[in-house]
C-alpha atoms as a PDB file:
ATOM      1  CA  MET A   1      75.222 110.223 177.973  1.00  0.00           C
ATOM      2  CA  VAL A   2      76.472 108.478 181.123  1.00  0.00           C
ATOM      3  CA  GLU A   3      75.216 105.167 179.730  1.00  0.00           C
ATOM      4  CA  ILE A   4      76.846 105.931 176.358  1.00  0.00           C
ATOM      5  CA  ALA A   5      80.143 106.683 178.125  1.00  0.00           C
ATOM      6  CA  ALA A   6      79.953 103.382 180.017  1.00  0.00           C
ATOM      7  CA  PHE A   7      78.799 101.067 177.223  1.00  0.00           C
ATOM      8  CA  GLY A   8      81.028 102.830 174.698  1.00  0.00           C
ATOM      9  CA  SER A   9      84.052 102.503 176.969  1.00  0.00           C
ATOM     10  CA  ILE A  10      83.547  98.737 177.271  1.00  0.00           C
ATOM     11  CA  GLU A  11      83.076  98.417 173.501  1.00  0.00           C
ATOM     12  CA  THR A  12      86.147 100.581 172.855  1.00  0.00           C
ATOM     13  CA  CYS A  13      88.249  98.505 175.236  1.00  0.00           C
ATOM     14  CA  GLU A  14      87.232  95.323 173.432  1.00  0.00           C
ATOM     15  CA  ALA A  15      87.923  96.884 170.023  1.00  0.00           C
ATOM     16  CA  ILE A  16      91.387  98.114 171.036  1.00  0.00           C
ATOM     17  CA  THR A  17      92.438  94.822 172.615  1.00  0.00           C
ATOM     18  CA  PHE A  18      90.900  92.526 169.965  1.00  0.00           C
ATOM     19  CA  PRO A  19      94.088  92.340 167.814  1.00  0.00           C
ATOM     20  CA  LEU A  20      95.919  90.879 170.811  1.00  0.00           C
ATOM     21  CA  THR A  21      93.807  87.718 170.576  1.00  0.00           C
ATOM     22  CA  PHE A  22      95.654  86.789 167.375  1.00  0.00           C
ATOM     23  CA  LEU A  23      98.976  86.542 169.188  1.00  0.00           C
ATOM     24  CA  PRO A  24      99.880  82.878 169.620  1.00  0.00           C
ATOM     25  CA  GLY A  25     100.040  81.546 173.129  1.00  0.00           C
ATOM     26  CA  ILE A  26      99.362  84.441 175.461  1.00  0.00           C
ATOM     27  CA  GLY A  27      97.242  86.596 173.144  1.00  0.00           C
ATOM     28  CA  SER A  28      93.928  85.823 174.833  1.00  0.00           C
ATOM     29  CA  VAL A  29      95.404  86.348 178.300  1.00  0.00           C
ATOM     30  CA  LEU A  30      96.896  89.726 177.334  1.00  0.00           C
ATOM     31  CA  SER A  31      93.619  90.774 175.731  1.00  0.00           C
ATOM     32  CA  SER A  32      91.671  89.940 178.886  1.00  0.00           C
ATOM     33  CA  VAL A  33      94.156  91.746 181.149  1.00  0.00           C
ATOM     34  CA  PHE A  34      94.123  94.901 179.056  1.00  0.00           C
ATOM     35  CA  GLU A  35      90.325  94.827 178.749  1.00  0.00           C
ATOM     36  CA  TRP A  36      90.033  94.973 182.535  1.00  0.00           C
ATOM     37  CA  ALA A  37      92.733  97.634 182.871  1.00  0.00           C
ATOM     38  CA  CYS A  38      90.966  99.581 180.134  1.00  0.00           C
ATOM     39  CA  LEU A  39      87.971 100.069 182.433  1.00  0.00           C
ATOM     40  CA  ILE A  40      89.934 102.793 184.265  1.00  0.00           C
ATOM     41  CA  PRO A  41      89.550 105.417 181.497  1.00  0.00           C
ATOM     42  CA  GLY A  42      85.952 104.222 181.182  1.00  0.00           C
ATOM     43  CA  ALA A  43      85.296 104.992 184.847  1.00  0.00           C
ATOM     44  CA  MET A  44      86.910 108.411 184.410  1.00  0.00           C
ATOM     45  CA  ALA A  45      84.677 109.092 181.390  1.00  0.00           C
ATOM     46  CA  VAL A  46      81.567 108.157 183.366  1.00  0.00           C
ATOM     47  CA  ASP A  47      82.713 110.289 186.301  1.00  0.00           C
ATOM     48  CA  TYR A  48      83.345 113.285 184.050  1.00  0.00           C
ATOM     49  CA  THR A  49      79.996 112.988 182.257  1.00  0.00           C
ATOM     50  CA  ALA A  50      77.994 112.603 185.461  1.00  0.00           C
ATOM     51  CA  ILE A  51      79.549 115.631 187.160  1.00  0.00           C
ATOM     52  CA  HIS A  52      79.889 118.120 184.319  1.00  0.00           C
ATOM     53  CA  HIS A  53      76.864 117.228 182.213  1.00  0.00           C
ATOM     54  CA  GLY A  54      74.539 115.480 184.659  1.00  0.00           C
ATOM     55  CA  LYS A  55      73.437 115.658 188.258  1.00  0.00           C
ATOM     56  CA  ASN A  56      75.107 112.647 189.860  1.00  0.00           C
ATOM     57  CA  GLU A  57      77.855 112.936 192.418  1.00  0.00           C
ATOM     58  CA  SER A  58      80.721 110.638 191.592  1.00  0.00           C
ATOM     59  CA  PHE A  59      83.978 109.699 193.259  1.00  0.00           C
ATOM     60  CA  ILE A  60      85.252 107.264 190.609  1.00  0.00           C
ATOM     61  CA  TRP A  61      84.504 104.213 192.764  1.00  0.00           C
ATOM     62  CA  GLN A  62      80.803 104.244 191.860  1.00  0.00           C
ATOM     63  CA  ALA A  63      81.555 104.214 188.144  1.00  0.00           C
ATOM     64  CA  THR A  64      84.324 101.649 188.606  1.00  0.00           C
ATOM     65  CA  THR A  65      82.072  99.323 190.592  1.00  0.00           C
ATOM     66  CA  ALA A  66      79.239  99.589 188.067  1.00  0.00           C
ATOM     67  CA  LEU A  67      81.609  98.938 185.168  1.00  0.00           C
ATOM     68  CA  ILE A  68      83.077  95.900 186.930  1.00  0.00           C
ATOM     69  CA  VAL A  69      79.591  94.469 187.451  1.00  0.00           C
ATOM     70  CA  ALA A  70      78.743  95.049 183.779  1.00  0.00           C
ATOM     71  CA  LYS A  71      82.069  93.595 182.655  1.00  0.00           C
ATOM     72  CA  LEU A  72      81.596  90.495 184.815  1.00  0.00           C
ATOM     73  CA  TRP A  73      78.273  89.940 183.080  1.00  0.00           C
ATOM     74  CA  ARG A  74      79.927  90.209 179.656  1.00  0.00           C
ATOM     75  CA  GLU A  75      82.660  87.791 180.721  1.00  0.00           C
ATOM     76  CA  ALA A  76      80.066  85.302 181.971  1.00  0.00           C
ATOM     77  CA  MET A  77      78.160  85.646 178.702  1.00  0.00           C
ATOM     78  CA  LYS A  78      81.369  85.183 176.707  1.00  0.00           C
ATOM     79  CA  TYR A  79      82.120  81.853 178.366  1.00  0.00           C
ATOM     80  CA  ALA A  80      78.476  80.825 178.128  1.00  0.00           C
ATOM     81  CA  GLY A  81      78.652  81.544 174.392  1.00  0.00           C
ATOM     82  CA  ILE A  82      81.833  79.487 174.044  1.00  0.00           C
ATOM     83  CA  ALA A  83      80.225  76.606 175.925  1.00  0.00           C
ATOM     84  CA  GLY A  84      77.137  76.856 173.724  1.00  0.00           C
ATOM     85  CA  ALA A  85      79.227  76.840 170.539  1.00  0.00           C
ATOM     86  CA  ILE A  86      81.135  73.770 171.724  1.00  0.00           C
ATOM     87  CA  GLY A  87      77.894  72.055 172.655  1.00  0.00           C
ATOM     88  CA  LEU A  88      76.363  72.825 169.263  1.00  0.00           C
ATOM     89  CA  ALA A  89      79.472  71.527 167.514  1.00  0.00           C
ATOM     90  CA  GLY A  90      79.135  68.400 169.648  1.00  0.00           C
ATOM     91  CA  VAL A  91      75.572  67.967 168.455  1.00  0.00           C
ATOM     92  CA  GLY A  92      76.758  68.150 164.849  1.00  0.00           C
ATOM     93  CA  VAL A  93      79.481  65.580 165.456  1.00  0.00           C
ATOM     94  CA  GLY A  94      77.020  63.437 167.393  1.00  0.00           C
ATOM     95  CA  LEU A  95      74.778  63.358 164.336  1.00  0.00           C
ATOM     96  CA  MET A  96      77.521  62.566 161.850  1.00  0.00           C
ATOM     97  CA  VAL A  97      79.592  59.927 163.656  1.00  0.00           C
ATOM     98  CA  PRO A  98      76.860  57.345 164.423  1.00  0.00           C
ATOM     99  CA  THR A  99      75.485  57.717 160.897  1.00  0.00           C
ATOM    100  CA  ALA A 100      78.932  57.152 159.405  1.00  0.00           C
ATOM    101  CA  LEU A 101      79.555  54.123 161.646  1.00  0.00           C
ATOM    102  CA  GLN A 102      76.395  52.462 160.364  1.00  0.00           C
ATOM    103  CA  ALA A 103      78.373  51.585 157.242  1.00  0.00           C
ATOM    104  CA  VAL A 104      80.849  49.573 159.324  1.00  0.00           C
ATOM    105  CA  PRO A 105      80.064  45.833 159.440  1.00  0.00           C
ATOM    106  CA  GLY A 106      78.644  44.875 162.800  1.00  0.00           C
ATOM    107  CA  LEU A 107      77.622  48.427 163.675  1.00  0.00           C
ATOM    108  CA  ALA A 108      74.627  48.760 161.371  1.00  0.00           C
ATOM    109  CA  ALA A 109      72.275  48.540 164.324  1.00  0.00           C
ATOM    110  CA  LEU A 110      73.884  51.565 166.036  1.00  0.00           C
ATOM    111  CA  PRO A 111      71.145  54.125 166.861  1.00  0.00           C
ATOM    112  CA  ALA A 112      71.418  56.977 164.378  1.00  0.00           C
ATOM    113  CA  ILE A 113      69.285  59.181 162.204  1.00  0.00           C
ATOM    114  CA  PRO A 114      68.842  57.919 158.624  1.00  0.00           C
ATOM    115  CA  GLY A 115      71.842  58.807 156.490  1.00  0.00           C
ATOM    116  CA  TYR A 116      69.687  60.464 153.817  1.00  0.00           C
ATOM    117  CA  TYR A 117      68.351  62.939 156.427  1.00  0.00           C
ATOM    118  CA  LEU A 118      71.776  63.895 157.823  1.00  0.00           C
ATOM    119  CA  PRO A 119      72.408  66.915 155.507  1.00  0.00           C
ATOM    120  CA  VAL A 120      69.017  68.362 156.424  1.00  0.00           C
ATOM    121  CA  ALA A 121      69.693  67.865 160.146  1.00  0.00           C
ATOM    122  CA  LEU A 122      73.083  69.581 159.875  1.00  0.00           C
ATOM    123  CA  ALA A 123      71.465  72.513 158.052  1.00  0.00           C
ATOM    124  CA  GLY A 124      69.147  72.850 161.047  1.00  0.00           C
ATOM    125  CA  VAL A 125      72.084  72.793 163.477  1.00  0.00           C
ATOM    126  CA  VAL A 126      73.932  75.558 161.610  1.00  0.00           C
ATOM    127  CA  THR A 127      70.778  77.659 161.313  1.00  0.00           C
ATOM    128  CA  PHE A 128      70.049  77.272 165.010  1.00  0.00           C
ATOM    129  CA  GLY A 129      73.616  78.311 165.784  1.00  0.00           C
ATOM    130  CA  GLY A 130      73.276  81.502 163.741  1.00  0.00           C
ATOM    131  CA  PHE A 131      70.016  82.576 165.360  1.00  0.00           C
ATOM    132  CA  SER A 132      71.416  81.669 168.782  1.00  0.00           C
ATOM    133  CA  PHE A 133      74.347  84.024 168.157  1.00  0.00           C
ATOM    134  CA  ILE A 134      71.932  86.893 167.423  1.00  0.00           C
ATOM    135  CA  VAL A 135      69.929  86.213 170.596  1.00  0.00           C
ATOM    136  CA  TRP A 136      73.115  85.784 172.651  1.00  0.00           C
ATOM    137  CA  LYS A 137      74.431  89.183 171.578  1.00  0.00           C
ATOM    138  CA  LYS A 138      71.124  90.866 172.381  1.00  0.00           C
ATOM    139  CA  ILE A 139      71.014  89.321 175.872  1.00  0.00           C
ATOM    140  CA  ARG A 140      74.665  90.250 176.467  1.00  0.00           C
ATOM    141  CA  ASN A 141      74.209  93.894 175.457  1.00  0.00           C
ATOM    142  CA  VAL A 142      70.889  94.457 177.218  1.00  0.00           C
ATOM    143  CA  GLY A 143      72.255  92.850 180.383  1.00  0.00           C
ATOM    144  CA  THR A 144      75.358  95.067 180.242  1.00  0.00           C
ATOM    145  CA  ASP A 145      73.211  98.182 179.942  1.00  0.00           C
ATOM    146  CA  TRP A 146      70.791  97.251 182.695  1.00  0.00           C
ATOM    147  CA  LEU A 147      73.426  96.087 185.168  1.00  0.00           C
ATOM    148  CA  PHE A 148      75.568  99.183 184.744  1.00  0.00           C
ATOM    149  CA  THR A 149      72.627 101.582 184.935  1.00  0.00           C
ATOM    150  CA  GLY A 150      71.081  99.895 187.959  1.00  0.00           C
ATOM    151  CA  THR A 151      74.348  99.585 189.874  1.00  0.00           C
ATOM    152  CA  TYR A 152      75.575 103.096 189.103  1.00  0.00           C
ATOM    153  CA  HIS A 153      72.384 104.918 189.997  1.00  0.00           C
ATOM    154  CA  LEU A 154      72.096 102.857 193.159  1.00  0.00           C
ATOM    155  CA  LEU A 155      75.562 103.979 194.294  1.00  0.00           C
ATOM    156  CA  ALA A 156      75.825 107.516 192.941  1.00  0.00           C
ATOM    157  CA  GLY A 157      73.681 110.067 194.739  1.00  0.00           C
ATOM    158  CA  ASP A 158      72.164 113.168 193.174  1.00  0.00           C
ATOM    159  CA  LEU A 159      73.717 116.623 193.374  1.00  0.00           C
ATOM    160  CA  THR A 160      70.698 118.249 194.949  1.00  0.00           C
ATOM    161  CA  THR A 161      71.802 121.885 194.714  1.00  0.00           C
ATOM    162  CA  GLU A 162      73.679 124.002 192.194  1.00  0.00           C
ATOM    163  CA  GLU A 163      76.244 124.817 194.878  1.00  0.00           C
ATOM    164  CA  LYS A 164      77.050 121.110 195.302  1.00  0.00           C
ATOM    165  CA  ARG A 165      77.279 120.706 191.553  1.00  0.00           C
ATOM    166  CA  GLN A 166      79.706 123.605 191.236  1.00  0.00           C
ATOM    167  CA  ASP A 167      81.841 122.172 194.044  1.00  0.00           C
ATOM    168  CA  ALA A 168      81.836 118.751 192.367  1.00  0.00           C
ATOM    169  CA  MET A 169      82.891 120.285 189.045  1.00  0.00           C
ATOM    170  CA  LYS A 170      85.661 122.258 190.776  1.00  0.00           C
ATOM    171  CA  ASN A 171      87.038 119.140 192.508  1.00  0.00           C
ATOM    172  CA  ALA A 172      86.503 116.754 189.590  1.00  0.00           C
ATOM    173  CA  LEU A 173      89.436 114.682 188.443  1.00  0.00           C
ATOM    174  CA  ILE A 174      88.868 115.766 184.825  1.00  0.00           C
ATOM    175  CA  LYS A 175      87.981 119.408 184.229  1.00  0.00           C
ATOM    176  CA  TRP A 176      85.815 120.766 181.440  1.00  0.00           C
ATOM    177  CA  PRO A 177      86.587 120.621 178.545  1.00  0.00           C
ATOM    178  CA  PRO A 178      88.575 117.367 178.441  1.00  0.00           C
ATOM    179  CA  THR A 179      91.892 117.449 176.624  1.00  0.00           C
ATOM    180  CA  GLY A 180      94.512 115.028 175.364  1.00  0.00           C
ATOM    181  CA  TRP A 181      93.731 111.373 175.917  1.00  0.00           C
ATOM    182  CA  ASN A 182      90.473 112.232 177.707  1.00  0.00           C
ATOM    183  CA  ARG A 183      89.286 114.105 174.601  1.00  0.00           C
ATOM    184  CA  ALA A 184      90.112 111.128 172.377  1.00  0.00           C
ATOM    185  CA  TRP A 185      88.348 108.744 174.739  1.00  0.00           C
ATOM    186  CA  ALA A 186      85.206 110.892 174.745  1.00  0.00           C
ATOM    187  CA  LEU A 187      85.074 110.661 170.954  1.00  0.00           C
ATOM    188  CA  MET A 188      85.772 106.909 170.848  1.00  0.00           C
ATOM    189  CA  ALA A 189      83.307 105.975 173.586  1.00  0.00           C
ATOM    190  CA  THR A 190      80.573 108.115 172.063  1.00  0.00           C
ATOM    191  CA  SER A 191      80.961 106.627 168.593  1.00  0.00           C
ATOM    192  CA  ALA A 192      81.049 103.083 170.016  1.00  0.00           C
ATOM    193  CA  GLY A 193      78.348 103.349 172.675  1.00  0.00           C
ATOM    194  CA  THR A 194      75.564 105.293 170.985  1.00  0.00           C
ATOM    195  CA  GLU A 195      72.496 103.215 170.209  1.00  0.00           C
ATOM    196  CA  PRO A 196      69.115 104.299 168.812  1.00  0.00           C
ATOM    197  CA  GLU A 197      65.955 104.180 170.883  1.00  0.00           C
ATOM    198  CA  ARG A 198      64.459 100.703 170.827  1.00  0.00           C
ATOM    199  CA  LYS A 199      61.697 100.355 168.238  1.00  0.00           C
ATOM    200  CA  LEU A 200      59.481  97.358 167.566  1.00  0.00           C
ATOM    201  CA  HIS A 201      60.188  97.426 163.832  1.00  0.00           C
ATOM    202  CA  PHE A 202      63.875  96.743 164.565  1.00  0.00           C
ATOM    203  CA  TYR A 203      62.829  93.187 165.402  1.00  0.00           C
ATOM    204  CA  ILE A 204      61.343  92.531 161.957  1.00  0.00           C
ATOM    205  CA  PRO A 205      63.635  90.002 160.265  1.00  0.00           C
ATOM    206  CA  VAL A 206      66.017  91.377 157.610  1.00  0.00           C
ATOM    207  CA  ILE A 207      64.488  94.844 157.136  1.00  0.00           C
ATOM    208  CA  GLY A 208      64.624  95.509 160.874  1.00  0.00           C
ATOM    209  CA  ALA A 209      68.399  94.995 160.928  1.00  0.00           C
ATOM    210  CA  TRP A 210      68.814  97.518 158.107  1.00  0.00           C
ATOM    211  CA  ASN A 211      66.488 100.047 159.755  1.00  0.00           C
ATOM    212  CA  LYS A 212      68.328  99.746 163.066  1.00  0.00           C
ATOM    213  CA  ALA A 213      71.695 100.337 161.397  1.00  0.00           C
ATOM    214  CA  MET A 214      70.381 103.501 159.724  1.00  0.00           C
ATOM    215  CA  ALA A 215      68.809 104.690 162.984  1.00  0.00           C
ATOM    216  CA  ARG A 216      72.091 104.047 164.777  1.00  0.00           C
ATOM    217  CA  ALA A 217      73.899 106.160 162.181  1.00  0.00           C
ATOM    218  CA  ASP A 218      71.557 109.091 162.855  1.00  0.00           C
ATOM    219  CA  ALA A 219      71.985 108.650 166.622  1.00  0.00           C
ATOM    220  CA  VAL A 220      75.805 108.556 166.357  1.00  0.00           C
ATOM    221  CA  LYS A 221      75.830 111.704 164.233  1.00  0.00           C
ATOM    222  CA  ALA A 222      73.698 113.523 166.815  1.00  0.00           C
ATOM    223  CA  SER A 223      75.784 112.266 169.748  1.00  0.00           C
ATOM    224  CA  MET A 224      79.083 113.220 168.106  1.00  0.00           C
ATOM    225  CA  ARG A 225      77.789 116.744 167.483  1.00  0.00           C
ATOM    226  CA  ARG A 226      76.627 116.984 171.088  1.00  0.00           C
ATOM    227  CA  VAL A 227      80.079 115.932 172.261  1.00  0.00           C
ATOM    228  CA  SER A 228      81.753 118.389 169.878  1.00  0.00           C
ATOM    229  CA  ASN A 229      79.639 121.313 171.077  1.00  0.00           C
ATOM    230  CA  ASP A 230      78.888 120.594 174.747  1.00  0.00           C
ATOM    231  CA  VAL A 231      81.686 118.315 175.952  1.00  0.00           C
ATOM    232  CA  LEU A 232      84.689 119.480 173.928  1.00  0.00           C
ATOM    233  CA  ALA A 233      83.493 123.060 173.315  1.00  0.00           C
ATOM    234  CA  GLU A 234      84.740 122.816 169.737  1.00  0.00           C
ATOM    235  CA  GLY A 235      81.613 123.987 167.955  1.00  0.00           C
ATOM    236  CA  GLY A 236      82.599 126.449 165.247  1.00  0.00           C
ATOM    237  CA  LYS A 237      86.322 125.719 165.710  1.00  0.00           C
ATOM    238  CA  ILE A 238      86.721 122.489 163.802  1.00  0.00           C
ATOM    239  CA  ARG A 239      87.966 122.599 160.239  1.00  0.00           C
ATOM    240  CA  ALA A 240      85.513 123.092 157.402  1.00  0.00           C
ATOM    241  CA  GLY A 241      84.059 119.861 156.123  1.00  0.00           C
ATOM    242  CA  ALA A 242      85.046 117.775 159.161  1.00  0.00           C
ATOM    243  CA  LEU A 243      81.447 117.095 160.199  1.00  0.00           C
ATOM    244  CA  ASP A 244      80.411 116.198 156.648  1.00  0.00           C
ATOM    245  CA  GLU A 245      83.337 113.789 156.366  1.00  0.00           C
ATOM    246  CA  MET A 246      82.462 112.324 159.754  1.00  0.00           C
ATOM    247  CA  ASP A 247      78.837 111.869 158.651  1.00  0.00           C
ATOM    248  CA  GLY A 248      80.048 110.134 155.517  1.00  0.00           C
ATOM    249  CA  MET A 249      82.154 107.692 157.529  1.00  0.00           C
ATOM    250  CA  ILE A 250      79.283 106.985 159.933  1.00  0.00           C
ATOM    251  CA  THR A 251      76.869 106.383 157.043  1.00  0.00           C
ATOM    252  CA  THR A 252      79.346 104.155 155.202  1.00  0.00           C
ATOM    253  CA  MET A 253      79.924 101.973 158.249  1.00  0.00           C
ATOM    254  CA  ALA A 254      76.185 101.824 158.951  1.00  0.00           C
ATOM    255  CA  VAL A 255      75.485 100.693 155.383  1.00  0.00           C
ATOM    256  CA  ILE A 256      78.134  97.968 155.705  1.00  0.00           C
ATOM    257  CA  GLU A 257      76.872  96.830 159.121  1.00  0.00           C
ATOM    258  CA  GLY A 258      73.221  96.977 158.087  1.00  0.00           C
ATOM    259  CA  GLY A 259      73.860  95.205 154.796  1.00  0.00           C
ATOM    260  CA  LEU A 260      75.817  92.415 156.468  1.00  0.00           C
ATOM    261  CA  ALA A 261      73.242  91.983 159.259  1.00  0.00           C
ATOM    262  CA  ALA A 262      70.265  91.959 156.864  1.00  0.00           C
ATOM    263  CA  SER A 263      72.005  89.545 154.478  1.00  0.00           C
ATOM    264  CA  ALA A 264      72.963  87.269 157.356  1.00  0.00           C
ATOM    265  CA  GLN A 265      69.383  87.110 158.608  1.00  0.00           C
ATOM    266  CA  ALA A 266      68.090  86.429 155.092  1.00  0.00           C
ATOM    267  CA  CYS A 267      70.549  83.529 154.726  1.00  0.00           C
ATOM    268  CA  LEU A 268      69.591  82.096 158.109  1.00  0.00           C
ATOM    269  CA  ILE A 269      65.895  82.318 157.281  1.00  0.00           C
ATOM    270  CA  ALA A 270      66.527  80.562 153.967  1.00  0.00           C
ATOM    271  CA  GLY A 271      68.562  77.878 155.766  1.00  0.00           C
ATOM    272  CA  GLY A 272      65.752  77.429 158.276  1.00  0.00           C
ATOM    273  CA  ALA A 273      63.177  77.129 155.493  1.00  0.00           C
ATOM    274  CA  LEU A 274      65.247  74.440 153.772  1.00  0.00           C
ATOM    275  CA  PHE A 275      65.606  72.584 157.070  1.00  0.00           C
ATOM    276  CA  ILE A 276      61.853  72.708 157.728  1.00  0.00           C
ATOM    277  CA  GLY A 277      61.058  71.708 154.150  1.00  0.00           C
ATOM    278  CA  GLY A 278      63.519  68.831 154.260  1.00  0.00           C
ATOM    279  CA  THR A 279      62.170  67.672 157.613  1.00  0.00           C
ATOM    280  CA  LEU A 280      58.557  67.704 156.418  1.00  0.00           C
ATOM    281  CA  ALA A 281      59.561  65.799 153.312  1.00  0.00           C
ATOM    282  CA  ALA A 282      61.372  63.264 155.497  1.00  0.00           C
ATOM    283  CA  ALA A 283      58.262  62.851 157.650  1.00  0.00           C
ATOM    284  CA  VAL A 284      56.108  62.248 154.584  1.00  0.00           C
ATOM    285  CA  GLN A 285      58.644  59.853 153.095  1.00  0.00           C
ATOM    286  CA  TYR A 286      58.837  57.963 156.388  1.00  0.00           C
ATOM    287  CA  GLN A 287      55.154  57.122 156.039  1.00  0.00           C
ATOM    288  CA  SER A 288      55.766  55.272 152.794  1.00  0.00           C
ATOM    289  CA  ASP A 289      58.324  52.843 151.474  1.00  0.00           C
ATOM    290  CA  GLU A 290      58.437  54.187 147.958  1.00  0.00           C
ATOM    291  CA  ASP A 291      61.539  55.433 146.181  1.00  0.00           C
ATOM    292  CA  PHE A 292      63.983  56.266 148.980  1.00  0.00           C
ATOM    293  CA  GLY A 293      66.714  56.778 146.404  1.00  0.00           C
ATOM    294  CA  THR A 294      64.887  59.739 144.897  1.00  0.00           C
ATOM    295  CA  TYR A 295      64.265  61.206 148.334  1.00  0.00           C
ATOM    296  CA  ALA A 296      67.906  60.695 149.305  1.00  0.00           C
ATOM    297  CA  VAL A 297      68.963  62.837 146.329  1.00  0.00           C
ATOM    298  CA  VAL A 298      66.384  65.514 147.166  1.00  0.00           C
ATOM    299  CA  ALA A 299      67.364  65.523 150.844  1.00  0.00           C
ATOM    300  CA  GLY A 300      71.053  65.639 150.000  1.00  0.00           C
ATOM    301  CA  VAL A 301      70.613  68.620 147.701  1.00  0.00           C
ATOM    302  CA  THR A 302      68.217  70.389 150.080  1.00  0.00           C
ATOM    303  CA  GLY A 303      70.419  69.798 153.107  1.00  0.00           C
ATOM    304  CA  GLY A 304      73.612  70.675 151.242  1.00  0.00           C
ATOM    305  CA  VAL A 305      72.185  73.972 150.032  1.00  0.00           C
ATOM    306  CA  GLY A 306      70.777  74.615 153.504  1.00  0.00           C
ATOM    307  CA  ILE A 307      74.187  74.073 155.118  1.00  0.00           C
ATOM    308  CA  ALA A 308      75.872  76.368 152.592  1.00  0.00           C
ATOM    309  CA  VAL A 309      73.295  79.144 152.938  1.00  0.00           C
ATOM    310  CA  ALA A 310      73.112  78.971 156.746  1.00  0.00           C
ATOM    311  CA  SER A 311      76.921  78.860 157.010  1.00  0.00           C
ATOM    312  CA  THR A 312      77.083  81.961 154.830  1.00  0.00           C
ATOM    313  CA  GLY A 313      74.691  83.670 157.255  1.00  0.00           C
ATOM    314  CA  VAL A 314      76.880  82.743 160.224  1.00  0.00           C
ATOM    315  CA  GLY A 315      79.961  83.982 158.365  1.00  0.00           C
ATOM    316  CA  LEU A 316      78.272  87.318 157.582  1.00  0.00           C
ATOM    317  CA  LEU A 317      77.371  87.736 161.254  1.00  0.00           C
ATOM    318  CA  LEU A 318      81.018  87.276 162.196  1.00  0.00           C
ATOM    319  CA  VAL A 319      82.261  89.622 159.446  1.00  0.00           C
ATOM    320  CA  ARG A 320      79.799  92.241 160.701  1.00  0.00           C
ATOM    321  CA  GLU A 321      81.847  92.461 163.890  1.00  0.00           C
ATOM    322  CA  ILE A 322      84.734  94.027 161.913  1.00  0.00           C
ATOM    323  CA  PRO A 323      83.105  97.394 161.010  1.00  0.00           C
ATOM    324  CA  LYS A 324      81.503  97.433 164.443  1.00  0.00           C
ATOM    325  CA  ALA A 325      84.962  97.141 166.043  1.00  0.00           C
ATOM    326  CA  LEU A 326      86.394  99.794 163.713  1.00  0.00           C
ATOM    327  CA  ARG A 327      83.696 102.389 164.481  1.00  0.00           C
ATOM    328  CA  PRO A 328      85.267 103.735 167.733  1.00  0.00           C
ATOM    329  CA  LEU A 329      88.531 104.284 165.833  1.00  0.00           C
ATOM    330  CA  ALA A 330      87.428 105.341 162.360  1.00  0.00           C
ATOM    331  CA  VAL A 331      84.817 107.946 163.293  1.00  0.00           C
ATOM    332  CA  PRO A 332      87.056 109.951 165.691  1.00  0.00           C
ATOM    333  CA  ALA A 333      89.914 109.729 163.178  1.00  0.00           C
ATOM    334  CA  VAL A 334      87.781 111.452 160.531  1.00  0.00           C
ATOM    335  CA  TYR A 335      86.429 114.027 162.987  1.00  0.00           C
ATOM    336  CA  GLY A 336      89.951 114.913 164.121  1.00  0.00           C
ATOM    337  CA  LEU A 337      92.397 113.147 166.393  1.00  0.00           C
ATOM    338  CA  PHE A 338      93.754 116.471 167.647  1.00  0.00           C
ATOM    339  CA  PRO A 339      91.955 119.574 168.933  1.00  0.00           C
ATOM    340  CA  PRO A 340      91.207 122.238 166.279  1.00  0.00           C
ATOM    341  CA  GLU A 341      93.935 124.517 167.629  1.00  0.00           C
ATOM    342  CA  ALA A 342      96.565 121.780 167.280  1.00  0.00           C
ATOM    343  CA  GLY A 343      95.349 120.955 163.796  1.00  0.00           C
ATOM    344  CA  GLU A 344      95.504 124.614 162.716  1.00  0.00           C
ATOM    345  CA  GLU A 345      99.026 125.039 164.015  1.00  0.00           C
END
């Protein structure tokens, strides 16, 4: 639960500040500033969870330090991803420009791939970009988890006796059960940060993405109930039907996320298959000097379809980020933004 509080707090911060990036001019700067400032409630959530529901001593600075280390990693990965995207776009331009210039008198000898193969090559570039995005996200998230966990447990000692634990709970900055903004943050971080246990079948293309989304839905439902009962002490107090409605929202968002992820992977695989098929055909055609016109038509159609399909996969991956960003807001909203007592009044 400490790891959920940490990872979920970072995800919640990014979800809350994401709209700021659309502001012209200073939007990105404001988003970055608020993301870092947003780590403060995250550190408080980690501190609360460790003291009241764990066995780690915590004086805020341990959680803050660990979150800063994890956030630095995410920032480094963000800029690495931007650099990679620019580099990949450069590769695409580098393929197109020399090929186009071959048609200019005097530049026909310019080194370039054959024009008939260009659509196939671009399909490969787009496909590679889509799969790179999937791998990049996995490395970013796993690194965030490992760096936070390693740093925090290195700094935060164990509460070795029950007496020390009781003293820590008595002197904690946030008392049990959390109220107000702390209550809302517990719900948001839990819904955003809960992940299922890693399973090998999650790495199976297409079906693995769907299975992981469904497993995540089950894990979020369990975590939200644990928070409701153990953290907020609201078990039996919430309004009738709230948990069923919450489960429905979690399932709906999981179906959307899983469907988008599985469809995106299917499109990228299809784009990759068209790229490989077009490349093999080009290699065979290169060995003969038969009808290049026929091959040019085949390559153009194959590459064009490959670009369209792979681009659709990349687009679906980006659209998938929308329900993922909405989860820390939508799930708590359905559960109840206010404590049961306030809702009943």
